[in-house]
N, C-alpha and C. Protein backbone atom coordinates (compact mmCIF):
# COMPACT_ATOMS: atom_id res chain seq x y z
N MET A 1 7.89 36.28 -11.01
CA MET A 1 7.17 35.73 -9.85
C MET A 1 6.98 36.83 -8.80
N THR A 2 5.86 36.74 -8.10
CA THR A 2 5.63 37.64 -7.00
C THR A 2 6.50 37.20 -5.81
N TYR A 3 6.59 38.04 -4.81
CA TYR A 3 7.39 37.69 -3.62
C TYR A 3 6.83 36.43 -2.95
N GLY A 4 5.50 36.32 -2.87
CA GLY A 4 4.88 35.13 -2.26
C GLY A 4 5.21 33.89 -3.07
N GLU A 5 5.20 33.99 -4.39
CA GLU A 5 5.56 32.85 -5.23
C GLU A 5 7.01 32.45 -5.03
N VAL A 6 7.88 33.42 -4.90
CA VAL A 6 9.30 33.10 -4.66
C VAL A 6 9.45 32.36 -3.33
N LEU A 7 8.76 32.83 -2.30
CA LEU A 7 8.84 32.18 -0.99
C LEU A 7 8.33 30.75 -1.05
N LEU A 8 7.20 30.54 -1.74
CA LEU A 8 6.67 29.16 -1.83
C LEU A 8 7.58 28.30 -2.72
N TRP A 9 8.08 28.87 -3.80
CA TRP A 9 8.98 28.10 -4.67
C TRP A 9 10.21 27.61 -3.91
N ASN A 10 10.71 28.43 -2.98
CA ASN A 10 11.86 28.01 -2.18
C ASN A 10 11.53 26.78 -1.31
N GLU A 11 10.24 26.58 -0.99
CA GLU A 11 9.82 25.43 -0.23
C GLU A 11 9.59 24.19 -1.09
N LEU A 12 9.36 24.42 -2.40
CA LEU A 12 8.96 23.32 -3.29
C LEU A 12 10.11 22.84 -4.20
N LYS A 13 11.00 23.75 -4.59
CA LYS A 13 12.00 23.41 -5.59
C LYS A 13 12.96 22.33 -5.07
N ASP A 14 13.62 21.70 -6.00
CA ASP A 14 14.61 20.66 -5.68
C ASP A 14 14.02 19.49 -4.90
N ASP A 15 12.73 19.22 -5.14
CA ASP A 15 12.03 18.08 -4.51
C ASP A 15 12.09 18.14 -3.00
N LYS A 16 12.07 19.36 -2.43
CA LYS A 16 12.17 19.54 -0.99
C LYS A 16 10.96 19.01 -0.23
N LEU A 17 9.79 18.99 -0.86
CA LEU A 17 8.58 18.57 -0.16
C LEU A 17 8.40 17.07 -0.35
N TRP A 18 8.98 16.29 0.52
CA TRP A 18 8.84 14.82 0.55
C TRP A 18 9.31 14.13 -0.72
N GLY A 19 10.12 14.82 -1.51
CA GLY A 19 10.65 14.22 -2.71
C GLY A 19 9.80 14.40 -3.96
N PHE A 20 8.67 15.12 -3.85
CA PHE A 20 7.82 15.34 -5.00
C PHE A 20 8.40 16.46 -5.87
N ASP A 21 8.32 16.28 -7.18
CA ASP A 21 8.84 17.23 -8.14
C ASP A 21 7.78 18.24 -8.55
N PHE A 22 7.99 19.48 -8.20
CA PHE A 22 7.09 20.57 -8.58
C PHE A 22 7.74 21.40 -9.65
N ASP A 23 6.95 21.80 -10.65
CA ASP A 23 7.38 22.76 -11.66
C ASP A 23 6.74 24.09 -11.38
N ARG A 24 7.37 25.17 -11.82
CA ARG A 24 6.76 26.48 -11.66
C ARG A 24 6.34 26.97 -13.05
N GLN A 25 5.28 27.77 -13.06
CA GLN A 25 4.75 28.34 -14.30
C GLN A 25 4.53 27.24 -15.34
N ARG A 26 3.78 26.24 -14.98
CA ARG A 26 3.52 25.06 -15.83
C ARG A 26 2.30 25.31 -16.69
N CYS A 27 2.44 25.07 -17.99
CA CYS A 27 1.34 25.21 -18.93
C CYS A 27 0.53 23.90 -18.98
N ILE A 28 -0.78 24.03 -18.77
CA ILE A 28 -1.68 22.90 -18.85
C ILE A 28 -2.88 23.33 -19.68
N ASN A 29 -3.05 22.74 -20.84
CA ASN A 29 -4.18 23.03 -21.71
C ASN A 29 -4.40 24.54 -21.90
N ASN A 30 -3.40 25.22 -22.34
CA ASN A 30 -3.48 26.66 -22.65
C ASN A 30 -3.62 27.55 -21.41
N TYR A 31 -3.51 27.00 -20.23
CA TYR A 31 -3.51 27.77 -19.00
C TYR A 31 -2.18 27.58 -18.31
N ILE A 32 -1.78 28.60 -17.55
CA ILE A 32 -0.53 28.48 -16.78
C ILE A 32 -0.87 28.52 -15.31
N VAL A 33 -0.36 27.51 -14.59
CA VAL A 33 -0.54 27.49 -13.12
C VAL A 33 0.79 27.85 -12.48
N ASP A 34 0.72 28.42 -11.28
CA ASP A 34 1.95 28.86 -10.61
C ASP A 34 2.88 27.70 -10.34
N PHE A 35 2.35 26.61 -9.76
CA PHE A 35 3.17 25.45 -9.44
C PHE A 35 2.35 24.19 -9.74
N TYR A 36 3.07 23.13 -10.16
CA TYR A 36 2.37 21.90 -10.54
C TYR A 36 3.24 20.70 -10.26
N CYS A 37 2.61 19.66 -9.66
CA CYS A 37 3.25 18.38 -9.45
C CYS A 37 2.53 17.35 -10.32
N LYS A 38 3.21 16.86 -11.34
CA LYS A 38 2.59 15.94 -12.28
C LYS A 38 2.16 14.63 -11.62
N GLU A 39 3.04 14.09 -10.73
CA GLU A 39 2.71 12.81 -10.08
C GLU A 39 1.41 12.89 -9.29
N LEU A 40 1.16 14.01 -8.65
CA LEU A 40 -0.02 14.19 -7.83
C LEU A 40 -1.17 14.85 -8.59
N MET A 41 -0.87 15.35 -9.78
CA MET A 41 -1.81 16.19 -10.57
C MET A 41 -2.37 17.30 -9.67
N LEU A 42 -1.44 18.00 -9.01
CA LEU A 42 -1.77 19.04 -8.06
C LEU A 42 -1.23 20.39 -8.54
N ALA A 43 -2.13 21.34 -8.70
CA ALA A 43 -1.75 22.70 -9.05
C ALA A 43 -1.88 23.58 -7.79
N ILE A 44 -0.93 24.51 -7.66
CA ILE A 44 -0.98 25.44 -6.55
C ILE A 44 -0.95 26.86 -7.15
N GLU A 45 -1.88 27.67 -6.68
CA GLU A 45 -1.96 29.05 -7.13
C GLU A 45 -1.72 29.96 -5.95
N VAL A 46 -0.96 31.01 -6.18
CA VAL A 46 -0.75 32.08 -5.20
C VAL A 46 -1.40 33.32 -5.78
N ASP A 47 -2.51 33.73 -5.19
CA ASP A 47 -3.29 34.83 -5.72
C ASP A 47 -2.91 36.15 -5.05
N GLY A 48 -2.39 37.04 -5.85
CA GLY A 48 -2.00 38.37 -5.39
C GLY A 48 -3.12 39.35 -5.62
N MET A 49 -2.78 40.63 -5.56
CA MET A 49 -3.78 41.71 -5.65
C MET A 49 -4.47 41.71 -7.02
N SER A 50 -3.85 41.21 -8.06
CA SER A 50 -4.48 41.21 -9.40
C SER A 50 -5.69 40.28 -9.43
N HIS A 51 -5.87 39.47 -8.41
CA HIS A 51 -7.02 38.55 -8.35
C HIS A 51 -8.13 39.10 -7.46
N ASP A 52 -7.96 40.33 -6.99
CA ASP A 52 -8.91 40.91 -6.04
C ASP A 52 -10.06 41.67 -6.67
N ASN A 53 -10.51 41.23 -7.84
CA ASN A 53 -11.69 41.85 -8.40
C ASN A 53 -12.58 40.77 -9.00
N GLU A 54 -13.82 41.12 -9.22
CA GLU A 54 -14.81 40.09 -9.62
C GLU A 54 -14.45 39.46 -10.97
N GLU A 55 -14.01 40.25 -11.92
CA GLU A 55 -13.66 39.69 -13.24
C GLU A 55 -12.55 38.66 -13.14
N ALA A 56 -11.49 38.98 -12.39
CA ALA A 56 -10.36 38.05 -12.23
C ALA A 56 -10.84 36.80 -11.44
N PHE A 57 -11.68 37.01 -10.45
CA PHE A 57 -12.20 35.87 -9.67
C PHE A 57 -12.97 34.92 -10.58
N LEU A 58 -13.81 35.45 -11.44
CA LEU A 58 -14.61 34.61 -12.34
C LEU A 58 -13.74 33.87 -13.34
N LYS A 59 -12.72 34.55 -13.83
CA LYS A 59 -11.79 33.88 -14.77
C LYS A 59 -11.00 32.79 -14.05
N ASP A 60 -10.60 33.04 -12.80
CA ASP A 60 -9.89 32.01 -12.03
C ASP A 60 -10.75 30.79 -11.82
N ILE A 61 -12.01 30.99 -11.49
CA ILE A 61 -12.94 29.86 -11.27
C ILE A 61 -13.15 29.09 -12.56
N GLN A 62 -13.34 29.81 -13.67
CA GLN A 62 -13.54 29.16 -14.95
C GLN A 62 -12.32 28.31 -15.33
N ARG A 63 -11.13 28.87 -15.15
CA ARG A 63 -9.89 28.17 -15.47
C ARG A 63 -9.74 26.97 -14.55
N GLN A 64 -10.00 27.13 -13.25
CA GLN A 64 -9.86 26.04 -12.32
C GLN A 64 -10.85 24.92 -12.66
N ASN A 65 -12.09 25.25 -12.97
CA ASN A 65 -13.08 24.23 -13.32
C ASN A 65 -12.65 23.45 -14.55
N LYS A 66 -12.09 24.13 -15.55
CA LYS A 66 -11.64 23.45 -16.76
C LYS A 66 -10.51 22.47 -16.42
N LEU A 67 -9.54 22.94 -15.66
CA LEU A 67 -8.40 22.06 -15.30
C LEU A 67 -8.85 20.90 -14.40
N GLU A 68 -9.79 21.18 -13.50
CA GLU A 68 -10.30 20.11 -12.64
C GLU A 68 -11.03 19.06 -13.48
N SER A 69 -11.60 19.45 -14.60
CA SER A 69 -12.27 18.46 -15.46
C SER A 69 -11.28 17.49 -16.06
N PHE A 70 -9.98 17.82 -16.06
CA PHE A 70 -8.92 16.91 -16.51
C PHE A 70 -8.35 16.10 -15.34
N GLY A 71 -8.87 16.30 -14.15
CA GLY A 71 -8.37 15.58 -12.98
C GLY A 71 -7.35 16.32 -12.14
N VAL A 72 -7.09 17.56 -12.50
CA VAL A 72 -6.11 18.36 -11.75
C VAL A 72 -6.76 18.83 -10.44
N LYS A 73 -6.04 18.61 -9.32
CA LYS A 73 -6.51 19.11 -8.03
C LYS A 73 -5.86 20.46 -7.78
N PHE A 74 -6.56 21.33 -7.01
CA PHE A 74 -6.10 22.71 -6.80
C PHE A 74 -5.96 23.03 -5.33
N LEU A 75 -4.97 23.82 -5.06
CA LEU A 75 -4.83 24.50 -3.76
C LEU A 75 -4.59 25.98 -4.09
N ARG A 76 -5.30 26.85 -3.42
CA ARG A 76 -5.14 28.30 -3.62
C ARG A 76 -4.78 28.95 -2.32
N PHE A 77 -3.79 29.82 -2.42
CA PHE A 77 -3.37 30.62 -1.26
C PHE A 77 -3.30 32.07 -1.70
N THR A 78 -3.52 32.96 -0.75
CA THR A 78 -3.31 34.38 -1.06
C THR A 78 -1.84 34.70 -0.90
N GLU A 79 -1.45 35.75 -1.53
CA GLU A 79 -0.07 36.26 -1.38
C GLU A 79 0.26 36.49 0.10
N SER A 80 -0.72 37.07 0.81
CA SER A 80 -0.52 37.35 2.25
C SER A 80 -0.32 36.08 3.07
N GLU A 81 -1.10 35.04 2.76
CA GLU A 81 -0.94 33.78 3.50
C GLU A 81 0.48 33.22 3.33
N VAL A 82 0.98 33.28 2.10
CA VAL A 82 2.31 32.74 1.85
C VAL A 82 3.38 33.60 2.52
N LYS A 83 3.19 34.90 2.49
CA LYS A 83 4.21 35.80 3.07
C LYS A 83 4.20 35.77 4.59
N TYR A 84 3.02 35.71 5.20
CA TYR A 84 2.93 35.91 6.64
C TYR A 84 2.51 34.66 7.44
N ASP A 85 2.12 33.60 6.77
CA ASP A 85 1.69 32.40 7.49
C ASP A 85 2.15 31.15 6.73
N ARG A 86 3.38 31.18 6.28
CA ARG A 86 3.92 30.10 5.45
C ARG A 86 3.86 28.74 6.13
N VAL A 87 4.05 28.69 7.42
CA VAL A 87 3.99 27.42 8.14
C VAL A 87 2.65 26.73 7.93
N ASN A 88 1.56 27.49 8.05
CA ASN A 88 0.23 26.87 7.83
C ASN A 88 -0.04 26.59 6.38
N VAL A 89 0.56 27.35 5.46
CA VAL A 89 0.46 27.05 4.04
C VAL A 89 1.08 25.69 3.77
N ILE A 90 2.26 25.44 4.31
CA ILE A 90 2.96 24.17 4.11
C ILE A 90 2.16 23.03 4.79
N ILE A 91 1.60 23.27 5.96
CA ILE A 91 0.80 22.25 6.62
C ILE A 91 -0.42 21.90 5.75
N ALA A 92 -1.08 22.91 5.17
CA ALA A 92 -2.22 22.65 4.28
C ALA A 92 -1.79 21.87 3.06
N LEU A 93 -0.65 22.22 2.52
CA LEU A 93 -0.12 21.52 1.34
C LEU A 93 0.19 20.08 1.66
N GLU A 94 0.84 19.83 2.79
CA GLU A 94 1.15 18.48 3.23
C GLU A 94 -0.15 17.66 3.41
N GLY A 95 -1.15 18.28 4.01
CA GLY A 95 -2.43 17.60 4.22
C GLY A 95 -3.08 17.23 2.88
N LYS A 96 -3.03 18.14 1.91
CA LYS A 96 -3.59 17.85 0.61
C LYS A 96 -2.84 16.73 -0.08
N ILE A 97 -1.54 16.70 0.03
CA ILE A 97 -0.74 15.62 -0.56
C ILE A 97 -1.11 14.27 0.03
N ILE A 98 -1.23 14.21 1.34
CA ILE A 98 -1.63 12.97 2.00
C ILE A 98 -3.02 12.55 1.55
N GLU A 99 -3.94 13.49 1.45
CA GLU A 99 -5.30 13.21 0.98
C GLU A 99 -5.28 12.61 -0.45
N ILE A 100 -4.47 13.19 -1.32
CA ILE A 100 -4.37 12.73 -2.70
C ILE A 100 -3.79 11.31 -2.75
N ILE A 101 -2.73 11.09 -1.99
CA ILE A 101 -2.08 9.78 -1.98
C ILE A 101 -3.05 8.69 -1.48
N LYS A 102 -3.76 9.02 -0.41
CA LYS A 102 -4.69 8.04 0.17
C LYS A 102 -5.83 7.73 -0.79
N SER A 103 -6.22 8.70 -1.61
CA SER A 103 -7.32 8.47 -2.53
C SER A 103 -6.90 7.78 -3.83
N ASP A 104 -5.61 7.71 -4.07
CA ASP A 104 -5.11 7.09 -5.31
C ASP A 104 -3.86 6.25 -5.03
N PRO A 105 -4.07 4.96 -4.71
CA PRO A 105 -2.93 4.12 -4.34
C PRO A 105 -1.97 3.84 -5.53
N SER A 106 -2.34 4.24 -6.73
CA SER A 106 -1.46 4.01 -7.88
C SER A 106 -0.35 5.07 -7.99
N ILE A 107 -0.41 6.11 -7.15
CA ILE A 107 0.64 7.14 -7.19
C ILE A 107 1.96 6.56 -6.79
N LYS A 108 2.98 6.78 -7.60
CA LYS A 108 4.32 6.30 -7.28
C LYS A 108 4.94 7.29 -6.29
N LEU A 109 5.25 6.79 -5.11
CA LEU A 109 5.83 7.63 -4.08
C LEU A 109 7.34 7.81 -4.29
N PRO A 110 7.84 9.00 -4.04
CA PRO A 110 9.29 9.23 -4.14
C PRO A 110 10.04 8.42 -3.09
N PRO A 111 11.30 8.08 -3.36
CA PRO A 111 12.08 7.31 -2.37
C PRO A 111 12.19 8.01 -1.03
N ASP A 112 12.14 9.34 -1.01
CA ASP A 112 12.26 10.09 0.24
C ASP A 112 10.98 10.16 1.07
N PHE A 113 9.88 9.66 0.51
CA PHE A 113 8.59 9.78 1.18
C PHE A 113 8.53 8.88 2.39
N ASP A 114 8.11 9.44 3.52
CA ASP A 114 7.97 8.69 4.77
C ASP A 114 6.58 8.04 4.81
N ILE A 115 6.54 6.76 4.53
CA ILE A 115 5.27 6.03 4.44
C ILE A 115 4.45 6.09 5.74
N THR A 116 5.11 6.33 6.87
CA THR A 116 4.37 6.41 8.13
C THR A 116 3.43 7.61 8.16
N LEU A 117 3.62 8.57 7.27
CA LEU A 117 2.72 9.74 7.21
C LEU A 117 1.30 9.35 6.77
N LEU A 118 1.19 8.18 6.16
CA LEU A 118 -0.12 7.72 5.69
C LEU A 118 -0.90 6.92 6.72
N ALA A 119 -0.29 6.66 7.86
CA ALA A 119 -0.95 5.84 8.89
C ALA A 119 -2.04 6.62 9.59
């Protein structure tokens, strides 16, 4: 894992984010995503310098489009965002989780989830 991935994993592991279970380096249809929550069908990618060229960008978009065709939602952050602006990364992640829950009432919420967040 990159340093940014380690930092984000420390925020996600052990169901720290509202009780949701995230896996790291999860394989989905022959692709590997950095982090994945099965209940939310949410993939999180932390893009480092290896993603800073056109070929990598096009491959990332192709992979993301394929996974989104299965219903997987995506959040992408740069390595720099995670390293230097982690508070706003977590705020964006929390916002995406709330958006997903509100759009799909069939999602089983963890016991630790504060239902008032949906108000």
